[in-house]
Structure formats: C-alpha cells, structure tokens
Amino acid sequence: MTEPDPGAWKASTSGRERVRMVVETLDEPATVSAIADEADVAWATANSELERLLDENQVGTHDGGAKYGPNPVRQFLDQVVELIEEHERDELEEQLVDYQSRLESLQAEHDARDAEEFRERLTEEQSAAEMRAIRDVVSTWNALETERRLVKQALNFYDDVSRLSGDDRGAVPA
C-alpha cells in the first residue's frame, strides 16, 4: 500500500486556490506570512488573494488588519444554502425533530437547561475522567445546538432560496 503524498494538493491546485483552502480551514486568524507558508506561495500571492477575498467579503481581518480569517457570517449562510440545495424540506424537518429530541434527551439525562449550565459542573469536585466526560457532553450539546440553528434557518429560507435558484421543489406558489 502506498502512502498518500501530503504535497499532492500543491501540484493539482493553483497558488490562489491553496490560499483560499488554507483560509477556509483556519481555526483562528493568521498572518499573511503564515497563510503563504501553509499554502506554499509567495507572500505577494497570498496578500493579493487575501485582499481579493476581503473585497468579496469571504474573509475578515483581525488584530487591526494584521491577521485574516474566514468570515463567519458568510460561512453560516453558505452552510444554510448548502442544506437547502442538498435536502428536501421533509428531510430538513426530520433533522430538526431529531436534533430537538437529542437535545431534550441531554437535558433530561443531565438535568440541565443547556450546555453552559452543564459546563458549570466542571468547577465542582470531579475526577479527571468525569471532567473529560462533561467536556465531551458539552461539545456534543453545542454541536447539536449549532446544527439545529442551521436547519431552522434553512427551513426559514427554504422557499425563497428554492425560488431564487429556480428550484420549485418545495416552494409555496406565489
């Protein structure tokens, strides 16, 4: 079995594409130099592409313009549109019910209103294993709440996005 080539993405993508790919995967804002290094491009190429992405509202600046990161609003809206394009309304409604049910199960199982209330238990006397378990539950809880918000927004915008994209699969007649 051959090992995957970690540099293969560089051969199959342009420098500007690599800059976009790096920015989209950032966990926290980064400097032009750090992005250029990761994308294996010249500083000028990274800077030029980041300025273009900034003009298109694809990225935002941080630390007084010294660092760049993905635009969270744009990412959120892209995820909502992707949900609408990839799922029928009934599927989204089923997902929403499933997420709500799972959240209600967490509330009942852990006797807490939300993830933050449950997280407060970390300050109580706990073993390391219990603390890790609490953090795992909080992480799951937060992920479910995020997914539920995305699906709710997708359902709110479903008819408008379907109509504007020329897909009338779930749109209510005007």
C-alpha atoms as a PDB file:
ATOM      1  CA  MET A   1       0.000   0.000   0.000  1.00  0.00           C
ATOM      2  CA  THR A   2       1.410   3.401  -0.957  1.00  0.00           C
ATOM      3  CA  GLU A   3       1.477   6.319   1.428  1.00  0.00           C
ATOM      4  CA  PRO A   4      -0.557   9.401   0.425  1.00  0.00           C
ATOM      5  CA  ASP A   5       1.549  12.298  -0.809  1.00  0.00           C
ATOM      6  CA  PRO A   6       0.909  15.251   1.520  1.00  0.00           C
ATOM      7  CA  GLY A   7       2.167  17.645  -1.158  1.00  0.00           C
ATOM      8  CA  ALA A   8      -0.127  16.345  -3.905  1.00  0.00           C
ATOM      9  CA  TRP A   9      -2.649  19.129  -3.335  1.00  0.00           C
ATOM     10  CA  LYS A  10       0.013  21.633  -4.320  1.00  0.00           C
ATOM     11  CA  ALA A  11       0.505  20.007  -7.718  1.00  0.00           C
ATOM     12  CA  SER A  12      -3.209  19.935  -8.506  1.00  0.00           C
ATOM     13  CA  THR A  13      -4.212  23.434  -7.352  1.00  0.00           C
ATOM     14  CA  SER A  14      -3.117  26.961  -8.134  1.00  0.00           C
ATOM     15  CA  GLY A  15      -1.456  29.128  -5.529  1.00  0.00           C
ATOM     16  CA  ARG A  16      -4.574  31.267  -5.187  1.00  0.00           C
ATOM     17  CA  GLU A  17      -6.732  28.160  -4.704  1.00  0.00           C
ATOM     18  CA  ARG A  18      -4.363  26.959  -1.994  1.00  0.00           C
ATOM     19  CA  VAL A  19      -4.617  30.316  -0.215  1.00  0.00           C
ATOM     20  CA  ARG A  20      -8.427  30.004  -0.246  1.00  0.00           C
ATOM     21  CA  MET A  21      -8.208  26.418   1.005  1.00  0.00           C
ATOM     22  CA  VAL A  22      -5.889  27.395   3.854  1.00  0.00           C
ATOM     23  CA  VAL A  23      -8.095  30.303   4.937  1.00  0.00           C
ATOM     24  CA  GLU A  24     -11.232  28.140   4.884  1.00  0.00           C
ATOM     25  CA  THR A  25      -9.636  25.670   7.292  1.00  0.00           C
ATOM     26  CA  LEU A  26      -8.159  28.125   9.788  1.00  0.00           C
ATOM     27  CA  ASP A  27      -9.148  27.558  13.399  1.00  0.00           C
ATOM     28  CA  GLU A  28      -8.020  31.061  14.278  1.00  0.00           C
ATOM     29  CA  PRO A  29      -6.923  34.106  12.278  1.00  0.00           C
ATOM     30  CA  ALA A  30      -3.439  34.001  10.770  1.00  0.00           C
ATOM     31  CA  THR A  31      -0.966  36.445   9.244  1.00  0.00           C
ATOM     32  CA  VAL A  32      -0.312  36.717   5.529  1.00  0.00           C
ATOM     33  CA  SER A  33       3.092  35.111   6.101  1.00  0.00           C
ATOM     34  CA  ALA A  34       1.619  32.107   7.939  1.00  0.00           C
ATOM     35  CA  ILE A  35      -1.036  31.620   5.252  1.00  0.00           C
ATOM     36  CA  ALA A  36       1.575  31.963   2.487  1.00  0.00           C
ATOM     37  CA  ASP A  37       3.796  29.378   4.186  1.00  0.00           C
ATOM     38  CA  GLU A  38       0.938  26.905   4.636  1.00  0.00           C
ATOM     39  CA  ALA A  39      -0.248  27.401   1.039  1.00  0.00           C
ATOM     40  CA  ASP A  40       3.340  27.243  -0.256  1.00  0.00           C
ATOM     41  CA  VAL A  41       3.020  30.507  -2.175  1.00  0.00           C
ATOM     42  CA  ALA A  42       4.887  33.786  -2.235  1.00  0.00           C
ATOM     43  CA  TRP A  43       3.842  36.418   0.311  1.00  0.00           C
ATOM     44  CA  ALA A  44       2.677  38.700  -2.530  1.00  0.00           C
ATOM     45  CA  THR A  45       0.406  35.965  -3.944  1.00  0.00           C
ATOM     46  CA  ALA A  46      -1.150  35.303  -0.544  1.00  0.00           C
ATOM     47  CA  ASN A  47      -1.576  39.016   0.163  1.00  0.00           C
ATOM     48  CA  SER A  48      -3.150  39.668  -3.232  1.00  0.00           C
ATOM     49  CA  GLU A  49      -5.587  36.767  -2.874  1.00  0.00           C
ATOM     50  CA  LEU A  50      -6.474  37.715   0.708  1.00  0.00           C
ATOM     51  CA  GLU A  51      -7.200  41.294  -0.372  1.00  0.00           C
ATOM     52  CA  ARG A  52      -9.437  39.975  -3.164  1.00  0.00           C
ATOM     53  CA  LEU A  53     -11.232  37.675  -0.695  1.00  0.00           C
ATOM     54  CA  LEU A  54     -11.614  40.604   1.693  1.00  0.00           C
ATOM     55  CA  ASP A  55     -13.178  42.713  -1.088  1.00  0.00           C
ATOM     56  CA  GLU A  56     -15.607  39.840  -1.761  1.00  0.00           C
ATOM     57  CA  ASN A  57     -16.416  39.548   1.955  1.00  0.00           C
ATOM     58  CA  GLN A  58     -15.114  35.969   2.021  1.00  0.00           C
ATOM     59  CA  VAL A  59     -12.620  36.734   4.796  1.00  0.00           C
ATOM     60  CA  GLY A  60     -12.377  39.195   7.624  1.00  0.00           C
ATOM     61  CA  THR A  61      -9.454  40.942   9.265  1.00  0.00           C
ATOM     62  CA  HIS A  62      -8.470  40.631  12.893  1.00  0.00           C
ATOM     63  CA  ASP A  63      -5.960  42.261  15.215  1.00  0.00           C
ATOM     64  CA  GLY A  64      -6.160  45.600  13.415  1.00  0.00           C
ATOM     65  CA  GLY A  65      -5.830  44.053   9.976  1.00  0.00           C
ATOM     66  CA  ALA A  66      -2.699  42.052  10.790  1.00  0.00           C
ATOM     67  CA  LYS A  67      -4.461  38.690  10.512  1.00  0.00           C
ATOM     68  CA  TYR A  68      -7.049  37.137   8.248  1.00  0.00           C
ATOM     69  CA  GLY A  69      -9.698  34.532   8.918  1.00  0.00           C
ATOM     70  CA  PRO A  70     -12.866  33.163   7.372  1.00  0.00           C
ATOM     71  CA  ASN A  71     -15.944  35.377   7.501  1.00  0.00           C
ATOM     72  CA  PRO A  72     -18.225  33.528   9.972  1.00  0.00           C
ATOM     73  CA  VAL A  73     -21.385  35.158   8.622  1.00  0.00           C
ATOM     74  CA  ARG A  74     -20.544  34.062   5.092  1.00  0.00           C
ATOM     75  CA  GLN A  75     -19.730  30.538   6.304  1.00  0.00           C
ATOM     76  CA  PHE A  76     -23.051  30.338   8.151  1.00  0.00           C
ATOM     77  CA  LEU A  77     -25.045  31.494   5.130  1.00  0.00           C
ATOM     78  CA  ASP A  78     -23.144  29.131   2.826  1.00  0.00           C
ATOM     79  CA  GLN A  79     -23.991  26.230   5.150  1.00  0.00           C
ATOM     80  CA  VAL A  80     -27.676  27.211   5.187  1.00  0.00           C
ATOM     81  CA  VAL A  81     -27.799  27.391   1.390  1.00  0.00           C
ATOM     82  CA  GLU A  82     -25.959  24.060   1.135  1.00  0.00           C
ATOM     83  CA  LEU A  83     -28.555  22.413   3.384  1.00  0.00           C
ATOM     84  CA  ILE A  84     -31.354  23.766   1.201  1.00  0.00           C
ATOM     85  CA  GLU A  85     -29.688  22.623  -2.014  1.00  0.00           C
ATOM     86  CA  GLU A  86     -28.903  19.131  -0.707  1.00  0.00           C
ATOM     87  CA  HIS A  87     -32.106  18.295   1.169  1.00  0.00           C
ATOM     88  CA  GLU A  88     -35.825  18.279   0.599  1.00  0.00           C
ATOM     89  CA  ARG A  89     -37.958  20.238   3.065  1.00  0.00           C
ATOM     90  CA  ASP A  90     -39.237  16.991   4.649  1.00  0.00           C
ATOM     91  CA  GLU A  91     -35.668  15.819   5.283  1.00  0.00           C
ATOM     92  CA  LEU A  92     -34.802  19.093   6.983  1.00  0.00           C
ATOM     93  CA  GLU A  93     -37.927  18.892   9.131  1.00  0.00           C
ATOM     94  CA  GLU A  94     -36.962  15.341  10.160  1.00  0.00           C
ATOM     95  CA  GLN A  95     -33.443  16.520  11.011  1.00  0.00           C
ATOM     96  CA  LEU A  96     -34.850  19.357  13.113  1.00  0.00           C
ATOM     97  CA  VAL A  97     -37.066  16.963  15.065  1.00  0.00           C
ATOM     98  CA  ASP A  98     -34.111  14.603  15.567  1.00  0.00           C
ATOM     99  CA  TYR A  99     -31.811  17.381  16.840  1.00  0.00           C
ATOM    100  CA  GLN A 100     -34.509  18.704  19.169  1.00  0.00           C
ATOM    101  CA  SER A 101     -35.169  15.209  20.510  1.00  0.00           C
ATOM    102  CA  ARG A 102     -31.465  14.615  21.142  1.00  0.00           C
ATOM    103  CA  LEU A 103     -31.149  17.970  22.929  1.00  0.00           C
ATOM    104  CA  GLU A 104     -34.159  17.178  25.107  1.00  0.00           C
ATOM    105  CA  SER A 105     -32.575  13.821  25.950  1.00  0.00           C
ATOM    106  CA  LEU A 106     -29.386  15.580  27.043  1.00  0.00           C
ATOM    107  CA  GLN A 107     -31.403  17.999  29.165  1.00  0.00           C
ATOM    108  CA  ALA A 108     -33.249  15.153  30.886  1.00  0.00           C
ATOM    109  CA  GLU A 109     -30.216  12.881  31.252  1.00  0.00           C
ATOM    110  CA  HIS A 110     -28.005  15.592  32.741  1.00  0.00           C
ATOM    111  CA  ASP A 111     -30.689  17.655  34.492  1.00  0.00           C
ATOM    112  CA  ALA A 112     -29.542  20.900  32.865  1.00  0.00           C
ATOM    113  CA  ARG A 113     -31.290  23.520  30.715  1.00  0.00           C
ATOM    114  CA  ASP A 114     -28.370  23.973  28.340  1.00  0.00           C
ATOM    115  CA  ALA A 115     -24.709  23.200  27.701  1.00  0.00           C
ATOM    116  CA  GLU A 116     -23.490  26.185  29.723  1.00  0.00           C
ATOM    117  CA  GLU A 117     -25.414  25.127  32.816  1.00  0.00           C
ATOM    118  CA  PHE A 118     -23.981  21.638  32.466  1.00  0.00           C
ATOM    119  CA  ARG A 119     -20.463  23.023  31.880  1.00  0.00           C
ATOM    120  CA  GLU A 120     -20.629  24.752  35.277  1.00  0.00           C
ATOM    121  CA  ARG A 121     -20.279  21.298  36.820  1.00  0.00           C
ATOM    122  CA  LEU A 122     -16.625  21.331  35.802  1.00  0.00           C
ATOM    123  CA  THR A 123     -15.940  23.577  38.789  1.00  0.00           C
ATOM    124  CA  GLU A 124     -17.360  21.014  41.181  1.00  0.00           C
ATOM    125  CA  GLU A 125     -15.167  18.342  42.725  1.00  0.00           C
ATOM    126  CA  GLN A 126     -14.669  15.860  39.860  1.00  0.00           C
ATOM    127  CA  SER A 127     -12.163  13.271  38.765  1.00  0.00           C
ATOM    128  CA  ALA A 128     -10.266  13.893  35.527  1.00  0.00           C
ATOM    129  CA  ALA A 129     -12.353  11.214  33.807  1.00  0.00           C
ATOM    130  CA  GLU A 130     -15.590  12.870  34.943  1.00  0.00           C
ATOM    131  CA  MET A 131     -14.311  16.240  33.754  1.00  0.00           C
ATOM    132  CA  ARG A 132     -13.467  14.792  30.323  1.00  0.00           C
ATOM    133  CA  ALA A 133     -16.938  13.249  30.154  1.00  0.00           C
ATOM    134  CA  ILE A 134     -18.533  16.610  30.962  1.00  0.00           C
ATOM    135  CA  ARG A 135     -16.466  18.311  28.257  1.00  0.00           C
ATOM    136  CA  ASP A 136     -17.441  15.619  25.740  1.00  0.00           C
ATOM    137  CA  VAL A 137     -21.140  16.062  26.546  1.00  0.00           C
ATOM    138  CA  VAL A 138     -20.830  19.862  26.312  1.00  0.00           C
ATOM    139  CA  SER A 139     -19.109  19.529  22.935  1.00  0.00           C
ATOM    140  CA  THR A 140     -21.876  17.243  21.649  1.00  0.00           C
ATOM    141  CA  TRP A 141     -24.534  19.554  23.081  1.00  0.00           C
ATOM    142  CA  ASN A 142     -23.015  22.605  21.384  1.00  0.00           C
ATOM    143  CA  ALA A 143     -22.711  20.767  18.061  1.00  0.00           C
ATOM    144  CA  LEU A 144     -26.376  19.725  18.225  1.00  0.00           C
ATOM    145  CA  GLU A 145     -27.453  23.291  19.016  1.00  0.00           C
ATOM    146  CA  THR A 146     -25.421  24.608  16.080  1.00  0.00           C
ATOM    147  CA  GLU A 147     -26.885  22.034  13.699  1.00  0.00           C
ATOM    148  CA  ARG A 148     -30.398  22.782  14.959  1.00  0.00           C
ATOM    149  CA  ARG A 149     -29.874  26.528  14.331  1.00  0.00           C
ATOM    150  CA  LEU A 150     -28.599  25.836  10.811  1.00  0.00           C
ATOM    151  CA  VAL A 151     -31.544  23.585   9.970  1.00  0.00           C
ATOM    152  CA  LYS A 152     -34.030  26.099  11.424  1.00  0.00           C
ATOM    153  CA  GLN A 153     -32.567  28.839   9.239  1.00  0.00           C
ATOM    154  CA  ALA A 154     -32.590  26.553   6.204  1.00  0.00           C
ATOM    155  CA  LEU A 155     -36.284  25.897   6.780  1.00  0.00           C
ATOM    156  CA  ASN A 156     -36.957  29.641   7.258  1.00  0.00           C
ATOM    157  CA  PHE A 157     -35.277  30.448   3.934  1.00  0.00           C
ATOM    158  CA  TYR A 158     -36.239  27.279   2.044  1.00  0.00           C
ATOM    159  CA  ASP A 159     -38.957  28.731  -0.196  1.00  0.00           C
ATOM    160  CA  ASP A 160     -37.055  31.922  -1.017  1.00  0.00           C
ATOM    161  CA  VAL A 161     -33.781  30.180  -1.840  1.00  0.00           C
ATOM    162  CA  SER A 162     -35.563  27.480  -3.858  1.00  0.00           C
ATOM    163  CA  ARG A 163     -37.481  30.095  -5.838  1.00  0.00           C
ATOM    164  CA  LEU A 164     -34.428  32.306  -6.427  1.00  0.00           C
ATOM    165  CA  SER A 165     -32.325  29.358  -7.550  1.00  0.00           C
ATOM    166  CA  GLY A 166     -35.057  28.224  -9.946  1.00  0.00           C
ATOM    167  CA  ASP A 167     -35.839  25.101  -7.920  1.00  0.00           C
ATOM    168  CA  ASP A 168     -39.516  24.960  -7.045  1.00  0.00           C
ATOM    169  CA  ARG A 169     -39.423  21.564  -5.314  1.00  0.00           C
ATOM    170  CA  GLY A 170     -40.814  22.869  -2.045  1.00  0.00           C
ATOM    171  CA  ALA A 171     -41.816  26.397  -2.770  1.00  0.00           C
ATOM    172  CA  VAL A 172     -45.270  27.643  -1.956  1.00  0.00           C
ATOM    173  CA  PRO A 173     -46.916  29.129  -5.065  1.00  0.00           C
ATOM    174  CA  ALA A 174     -46.743  32.930  -5.079  1.00  0.00           C
END
